[in-house]
Amino acid sequence: MARSLLSVSDLNIKELEKIFKKINGFKKHRPKKKYQEMSVGLLFEKHSTRTRLSFEVAISRLGANPVYINKSDTQISRGESIAETAKIFSLYLDALVYRTSDQKNMQDFHKSSSIPIVNALSDLEHPTQIISDIYTIIECYSRKMLDKLKVVYFGDGNNIANSLSIIADILSINLVICCQKGYEPKFSSSNLKNSNVSIENNPMKAAVDADVIYTDVWTSMGMEKEEKKRKKDFKNYQVNEKIVSLASPSYVFMHCLPAHLNEEVSENVINSKNSVVYKQAENKVYAAMAILDFLLGQSQA
């Protein structure tokens, strides 16, 4: 079974450091196309702009051939099992970047594959996004400062919050998840070992002296039926001028995008000088390259 990235917890601190170093290298220098003759599939069951584009570009820059796979064009849509599909994909592809609504699908693909599987988003986690985002924070501050920063996430305890919590646990980042009661991340499934991740229900308290303020949409893909209720439940959790006025003067604002302007974040905040949302988006390409290089390099060893 090949090494895969289904969760941030699949990596230890040394491996994360190695990936950060690779991201930095790819950002500074054009890579050698060392994966020529390889093909990397992209199976996306959910919509995507930044993740899909960044991985397609990353695969090409590494010299491999990106193969986009529409689920509706495959036999999965007609009832073929994931196990069977994974075996067939393993015959044709050298790795698979997979976006799905169910983490179990990801795990089942991995169990039946002989190629690396990369989680490009599931209902439970979004590891590639968070690895890229932590690199962005390192760029804004420094690696040495990472465990001294206060990072505050506002909003739903979704896949972003889950992956943030796991990576904060591994890297000893002081993370505050600020959310409405009943919307907390699934800590029970994350097996957090450290106590540096906390929950705060009061947004004004959470924002005090924050070095990084991160938010995401209140209603994730597949939860549209809950949109009206979620807007009501999260109305006091908008990241706006009042909230950021309590943060450190040099705070950075982050959002994985797409954003619903004047819902989870005010237009003034996302367009402010403190916002690094486009730096985040750019770094996704280099992070995708680093993650693929890390996994493909191990599969070749």
Protein backbone atom coordinates (compact mmCIF):
# COMPACT_ATOMS: atom_id res chain seq x y z
CA MET A 1 0.00 0.00 0.00
CA ALA A 2 1.49 3.33 -1.06
CA ARG A 3 1.92 6.27 1.31
CA SER A 4 -1.10 8.61 1.08
CA LEU A 5 -2.24 11.90 2.60
CA LEU A 6 -5.80 11.44 3.82
CA SER A 7 -5.42 13.51 6.99
CA VAL A 8 -2.92 15.99 8.41
CA SER A 9 -2.43 13.37 11.14
CA ASP A 10 -0.77 11.11 8.53
CA LEU A 11 2.30 13.36 8.87
CA ASN A 12 4.64 13.93 11.80
CA ILE A 13 6.47 17.14 12.62
CA LYS A 14 9.63 16.15 10.72
CA GLU A 15 7.64 15.32 7.59
CA LEU A 16 5.72 18.60 7.79
CA GLU A 17 9.02 20.47 8.09
CA LYS A 18 10.28 18.60 5.03
CA ILE A 19 7.18 19.60 3.06
CA PHE A 20 7.50 23.26 4.16
CA LYS A 21 11.10 23.20 2.93
CA LYS A 22 9.98 21.77 -0.39
CA ILE A 23 7.26 24.46 -0.73
CA ASN A 24 9.89 27.12 -0.14
CA GLY A 25 12.18 25.57 -2.72
CA PHE A 26 9.48 25.27 -5.38
CA LYS A 27 8.44 28.87 -4.79
CA LYS A 28 12.00 30.13 -5.31
CA HIS A 29 13.06 27.91 -8.19
CA ARG A 30 11.40 26.28 -11.18
CA PRO A 31 11.56 22.51 -10.58
CA LYS A 32 13.15 19.90 -12.76
CA LYS A 33 10.47 17.88 -14.54
CA LYS A 34 11.47 14.67 -12.78
CA TYR A 35 8.10 12.94 -13.04
CA GLN A 36 7.87 12.77 -16.82
CA GLU A 37 5.97 9.76 -18.15
CA MET A 38 3.87 9.73 -14.96
CA SER A 39 0.14 10.46 -14.83
CA VAL A 40 -1.73 11.89 -11.85
CA GLY A 41 -5.51 11.64 -11.78
CA LEU A 42 -7.87 14.25 -10.35
CA LEU A 43 -11.21 12.80 -9.28
CA PHE A 44 -13.40 15.65 -8.04
CA GLU A 45 -16.89 14.80 -6.85
CA LYS A 46 -17.42 18.35 -5.56
CA HIS A 47 -16.90 21.76 -7.16
CA SER A 48 -13.45 23.33 -6.99
CA THR A 49 -11.58 26.30 -8.41
CA ARG A 50 -8.35 26.87 -6.46
CA THR A 51 -7.65 23.28 -5.38
CA ARG A 52 -8.26 21.78 -8.80
CA LEU A 53 -6.32 24.46 -10.70
CA SER A 54 -3.42 24.46 -8.26
CA PHE A 55 -3.04 20.67 -8.49
CA GLU A 56 -3.33 20.61 -12.29
CA VAL A 57 -0.64 23.30 -12.55
CA ALA A 58 1.50 21.57 -9.91
CA ILE A 59 1.33 18.22 -11.71
CA SER A 60 2.35 19.85 -15.00
CA ARG A 61 5.23 21.77 -13.43
CA LEU A 62 6.57 18.53 -11.97
CA GLY A 63 6.57 17.07 -15.48
CA ALA A 64 3.70 14.64 -14.97
CA ASN A 65 0.47 14.45 -16.94
CA PRO A 66 -2.71 15.65 -15.15
CA VAL A 67 -5.78 13.53 -15.96
CA TYR A 68 -9.08 15.07 -14.87
CA ILE A 69 -11.76 12.47 -14.17
CA ASN A 70 -15.44 13.40 -14.06
CA LYS A 71 -17.21 11.01 -11.70
CA SER A 72 -20.33 11.01 -13.89
CA ASP A 73 -18.23 9.68 -16.78
CA THR A 74 -16.95 6.71 -14.77
CA GLN A 75 -18.56 3.42 -13.81
CA ILE A 76 -18.70 4.63 -10.17
CA SER A 77 -21.79 6.60 -11.19
CA ARG A 78 -23.35 3.30 -12.34
CA GLY A 79 -22.62 1.38 -9.16
CA GLU A 80 -19.07 0.09 -9.57
CA SER A 81 -17.45 -0.18 -6.15
CA ILE A 82 -14.72 2.12 -4.94
CA ALA A 83 -12.53 -0.92 -4.31
CA GLU A 84 -12.79 -2.04 -7.93
CA THR A 85 -12.31 1.49 -9.24
CA ALA A 86 -9.25 2.01 -7.05
CA LYS A 87 -7.64 -1.16 -8.41
CA ILE A 88 -8.22 -0.03 -11.99
CA PHE A 89 -6.96 3.51 -11.30
CA SER A 90 -3.81 1.97 -9.82
CA LEU A 91 -3.10 0.25 -13.15
CA TYR A 92 -3.27 3.51 -15.14
CA LEU A 93 -2.21 6.27 -12.75
CA ASP A 94 0.79 7.01 -10.54
CA ALA A 95 -1.22 8.99 -7.95
CA LEU A 96 -4.74 10.27 -7.42
CA VAL A 97 -5.91 13.64 -6.08
CA TYR A 98 -9.39 13.00 -4.73
CA ARG A 99 -12.18 15.36 -3.55
CA THR A 100 -15.26 13.74 -2.04
CA SER A 101 -18.12 14.38 0.34
CA ASP A 102 -17.29 11.39 2.53
CA GLN A 103 -13.99 10.65 4.29
CA LYS A 104 -14.86 6.95 4.22
CA ASN A 105 -14.69 7.02 0.41
CA MET A 106 -11.17 8.39 0.75
CA GLN A 107 -10.18 5.64 3.16
CA ASP A 108 -11.73 2.94 0.97
CA PHE A 109 -9.84 4.24 -2.08
CA HIS A 110 -6.59 4.15 -0.13
CA LYS A 111 -7.16 0.58 1.13
CA SER A 112 -7.65 -0.78 -2.38
CA SER A 113 -5.03 1.33 -4.17
CA SER A 114 -1.37 0.73 -4.80
CA ILE A 115 -0.78 4.43 -5.59
CA PRO A 116 -0.70 7.53 -3.33
CA ILE A 117 -4.10 9.14 -2.65
CA VAL A 118 -4.18 12.85 -1.81
CA ASN A 119 -7.17 14.25 0.06
CA ALA A 120 -8.19 17.38 -1.86
CA LEU A 121 -11.14 17.91 0.54
CA SER A 122 -13.62 15.66 2.29
CA ASP A 123 -16.39 16.27 4.80
CA LEU A 124 -13.88 15.69 7.62
CA GLU A 125 -10.63 17.34 6.48
CA HIS A 126 -8.84 19.55 3.96
CA PRO A 127 -5.18 18.73 4.68
CA THR A 128 -3.56 20.22 1.58
CA GLN A 129 -5.25 23.57 2.20
CA ILE A 130 -4.08 23.72 5.80
CA ILE A 131 -0.50 22.67 5.04
CA SER A 132 -0.39 25.49 2.48
CA ASP A 133 -1.96 27.93 4.96
CA ILE A 134 0.55 27.17 7.72
CA TYR A 135 3.34 27.81 5.22
CA THR A 136 1.70 31.18 4.48
CA ILE A 137 1.71 32.01 8.21
CA ILE A 138 5.40 31.08 8.35
CA GLU A 139 6.03 33.43 5.42
CA CYS A 140 4.22 36.26 7.21
CA TYR A 141 6.04 35.72 10.52
CA SER A 142 8.70 33.01 10.73
CA ARG A 143 9.00 29.34 11.60
CA LYS A 144 10.58 30.23 14.94
CA MET A 145 7.55 32.34 15.89
CA LEU A 146 4.95 29.73 14.98
CA ASP A 147 4.42 28.37 18.49
CA LYS A 148 4.32 31.91 19.93
CA LEU A 149 1.47 33.15 17.75
CA LYS A 150 -2.20 33.23 18.62
CA VAL A 151 -4.25 31.88 15.74
CA VAL A 152 -8.02 32.32 15.93
CA TYR A 153 -10.48 30.58 13.65
CA PHE A 154 -14.01 32.02 13.46
CA GLY A 155 -16.94 29.96 12.22
CA ASP A 156 -18.19 26.44 11.73
CA GLY A 157 -16.19 23.49 13.07
CA ASN A 158 -15.88 22.11 9.55
CA ASN A 159 -13.12 20.31 7.63
CA ILE A 160 -10.91 23.43 7.73
CA ALA A 161 -11.31 23.71 11.51
CA ASN A 162 -10.60 19.97 11.92
CA SER A 163 -7.39 20.09 9.88
CA LEU A 164 -6.29 23.33 11.57
CA SER A 165 -6.77 21.69 14.96
CA ILE A 166 -4.72 18.65 14.00
CA ILE A 167 -1.81 20.62 12.55
CA ALA A 168 -1.86 22.99 15.54
CA ASP A 169 -1.62 19.95 17.80
CA ILE A 170 1.39 18.60 15.87
CA LEU A 171 3.24 21.93 15.62
CA SER A 172 2.25 23.27 19.07
CA ILE A 173 0.41 26.27 17.60
CA ASN A 174 -1.84 28.18 19.99
CA LEU A 175 -5.18 27.83 18.23
CA VAL A 176 -8.55 29.15 19.36
CA ILE A 177 -11.66 27.83 17.61
CA CYS A 178 -14.38 30.45 18.01
CA CYS A 179 -17.78 29.08 17.12
CA GLN A 180 -21.39 28.88 18.17
CA LYS A 181 -22.19 26.10 20.64
CA GLY A 182 -23.08 22.93 18.81
CA TYR A 183 -20.72 23.65 15.90
CA GLU A 184 -17.43 22.59 17.48
CA PRO A 185 -14.84 20.57 15.50
CA LYS A 186 -14.83 16.79 15.84
CA PHE A 187 -11.97 16.60 18.34
CA SER A 188 -12.97 13.05 19.32
CA SER A 189 -11.99 11.76 15.87
CA SER A 190 -8.79 13.85 15.70
CA ASN A 191 -6.96 12.28 18.68
CA LEU A 192 -5.41 15.58 19.76
CA LYS A 193 -2.52 15.04 22.18
CA ASN A 194 -1.70 18.59 23.31
CA SER A 195 -3.79 21.19 25.13
CA ASN A 196 -2.91 24.19 22.93
CA VAL A 197 -6.20 23.99 20.98
CA SER A 198 -9.15 25.57 22.76
CA ILE A 199 -12.79 26.49 22.15
CA GLU A 200 -14.18 29.97 22.77
CA ASN A 201 -17.82 30.83 22.12
CA ASN A 202 -17.40 34.58 22.66
CA PRO A 203 -15.97 36.22 19.49
CA MET A 204 -14.89 39.39 21.28
CA LYS A 205 -12.84 37.41 23.80
CA ALA A 206 -11.35 35.20 21.11
CA ALA A 207 -10.11 38.11 18.99
CA VAL A 208 -8.03 39.78 21.72
CA ASP A 209 -4.33 39.94 20.68
CA ALA A 210 -4.83 37.55 17.78
CA ASP A 211 -1.88 37.36 15.38
CA VAL A 212 -3.81 35.40 12.75
CA ILE A 213 -7.55 35.60 12.15
CA TYR A 214 -8.93 32.87 9.89
CA THR A 215 -12.49 32.30 8.76
CA ASP A 216 -14.42 30.18 6.29
CA VAL A 217 -17.95 30.10 4.89
CA TRP A 218 -20.68 29.29 7.41
CA THR A 219 -22.43 26.89 5.04
CA SER A 220 -20.16 24.35 3.37
CA MET A 221 -20.95 22.52 0.14
CA GLY A 222 -23.68 19.96 0.74
CA MET A 223 -25.18 21.86 3.68
CA GLU A 224 -27.23 24.35 1.67
CA LYS A 225 -30.46 23.25 3.37
CA GLU A 226 -29.04 24.57 6.65
CA GLU A 227 -28.08 27.96 5.25
CA LYS A 228 -30.90 29.98 6.81
CA LYS A 229 -30.31 28.49 10.27
CA ARG A 230 -26.53 28.87 10.02
CA LYS A 231 -26.79 32.54 9.06
CA LYS A 232 -28.86 33.11 12.18
CA ASP A 233 -26.56 31.04 14.43
CA PHE A 234 -23.35 32.71 13.20
CA LYS A 235 -24.54 36.30 12.83
CA ASN A 236 -22.32 37.41 15.73
CA TYR A 237 -19.24 35.62 14.34
CA GLN A 238 -18.60 37.81 11.32
CA VAL A 239 -14.98 38.95 11.06
CA ASN A 240 -15.42 42.72 10.76
CA GLU A 241 -13.74 45.95 11.82
CA LYS A 242 -14.99 45.58 15.40
CA ILE A 243 -13.48 42.11 15.73
CA VAL A 244 -10.11 42.88 14.13
CA SER A 245 -9.72 46.06 16.20
CA LEU A 246 -9.11 43.75 19.17
CA ALA A 247 -6.37 41.79 17.38
CA SER A 248 -2.66 42.56 17.27
CA PRO A 249 -2.05 45.64 15.04
CA SER A 250 0.05 43.50 12.71
CA TYR A 251 -2.48 40.63 12.51
CA VAL A 252 -3.01 38.82 9.22
CA PHE A 253 -6.42 37.84 7.89
CA MET A 254 -6.88 34.49 6.14
CA HIS A 255 -9.72 32.81 4.26
CA CYS A 256 -9.45 29.66 2.13
CA LEU A 257 -11.98 31.12 -0.35
CA PRO A 258 -14.48 31.41 -1.92
CA ALA A 259 -15.79 34.05 0.48
CA HIS A 260 -19.32 35.29 0.99
CA LEU A 261 -18.64 38.99 1.37
CA ASN A 262 -20.36 40.71 4.29
CA GLU A 263 -21.44 37.34 5.64
CA GLU A 264 -18.56 35.56 7.42
CA VAL A 265 -16.21 38.49 6.64
CA SER A 266 -16.78 42.16 5.89
CA GLU A 267 -15.60 43.53 2.57
CA ASN A 268 -13.34 46.04 4.32
CA VAL A 269 -11.47 43.31 6.21
CA ILE A 270 -10.91 40.95 3.29
CA ASN A 271 -9.64 43.84 1.16
CA SER A 272 -7.49 45.38 3.89
CA LYS A 273 -3.69 45.56 3.97
CA ASN A 274 -3.74 42.80 6.61
CA SER A 275 -5.42 40.33 4.27
CA VAL A 276 -3.23 37.60 2.77
CA VAL A 277 -5.97 35.64 1.00
CA TYR A 278 -4.28 35.88 -2.41
CA LYS A 279 -0.93 34.87 -0.97
CA GLN A 280 -2.77 31.84 0.43
CA ALA A 281 -4.24 31.06 -2.98
CA GLU A 282 -0.87 31.39 -4.73
CA ASN A 283 0.87 29.14 -2.22
CA LYS A 284 -1.56 26.30 -2.96
CA VAL A 285 0.34 25.59 -6.19
CA TYR A 286 3.69 25.24 -4.41
CA ALA A 287 2.14 23.23 -1.59
CA ALA A 288 0.54 20.86 -4.10
CA MET A 289 3.92 20.41 -5.79
CA ALA A 290 5.62 19.74 -2.45
CA ILE A 291 3.01 17.22 -1.30
CA LEU A 292 3.07 15.32 -4.59
CA ASP A 293 6.87 15.35 -4.65
CA PHE A 294 6.94 14.04 -1.07
CA LEU A 295 4.52 11.18 -1.82
CA LEU A 296 5.76 10.26 -5.32
CA GLY A 297 9.35 10.34 -4.10
CA GLN A 298 8.49 7.78 -1.41
CA SER A 299 6.61 5.57 -3.86
CA GLN A 300 9.68 5.50 -6.12
CA ALA A 301 12.09 4.69 -3.29
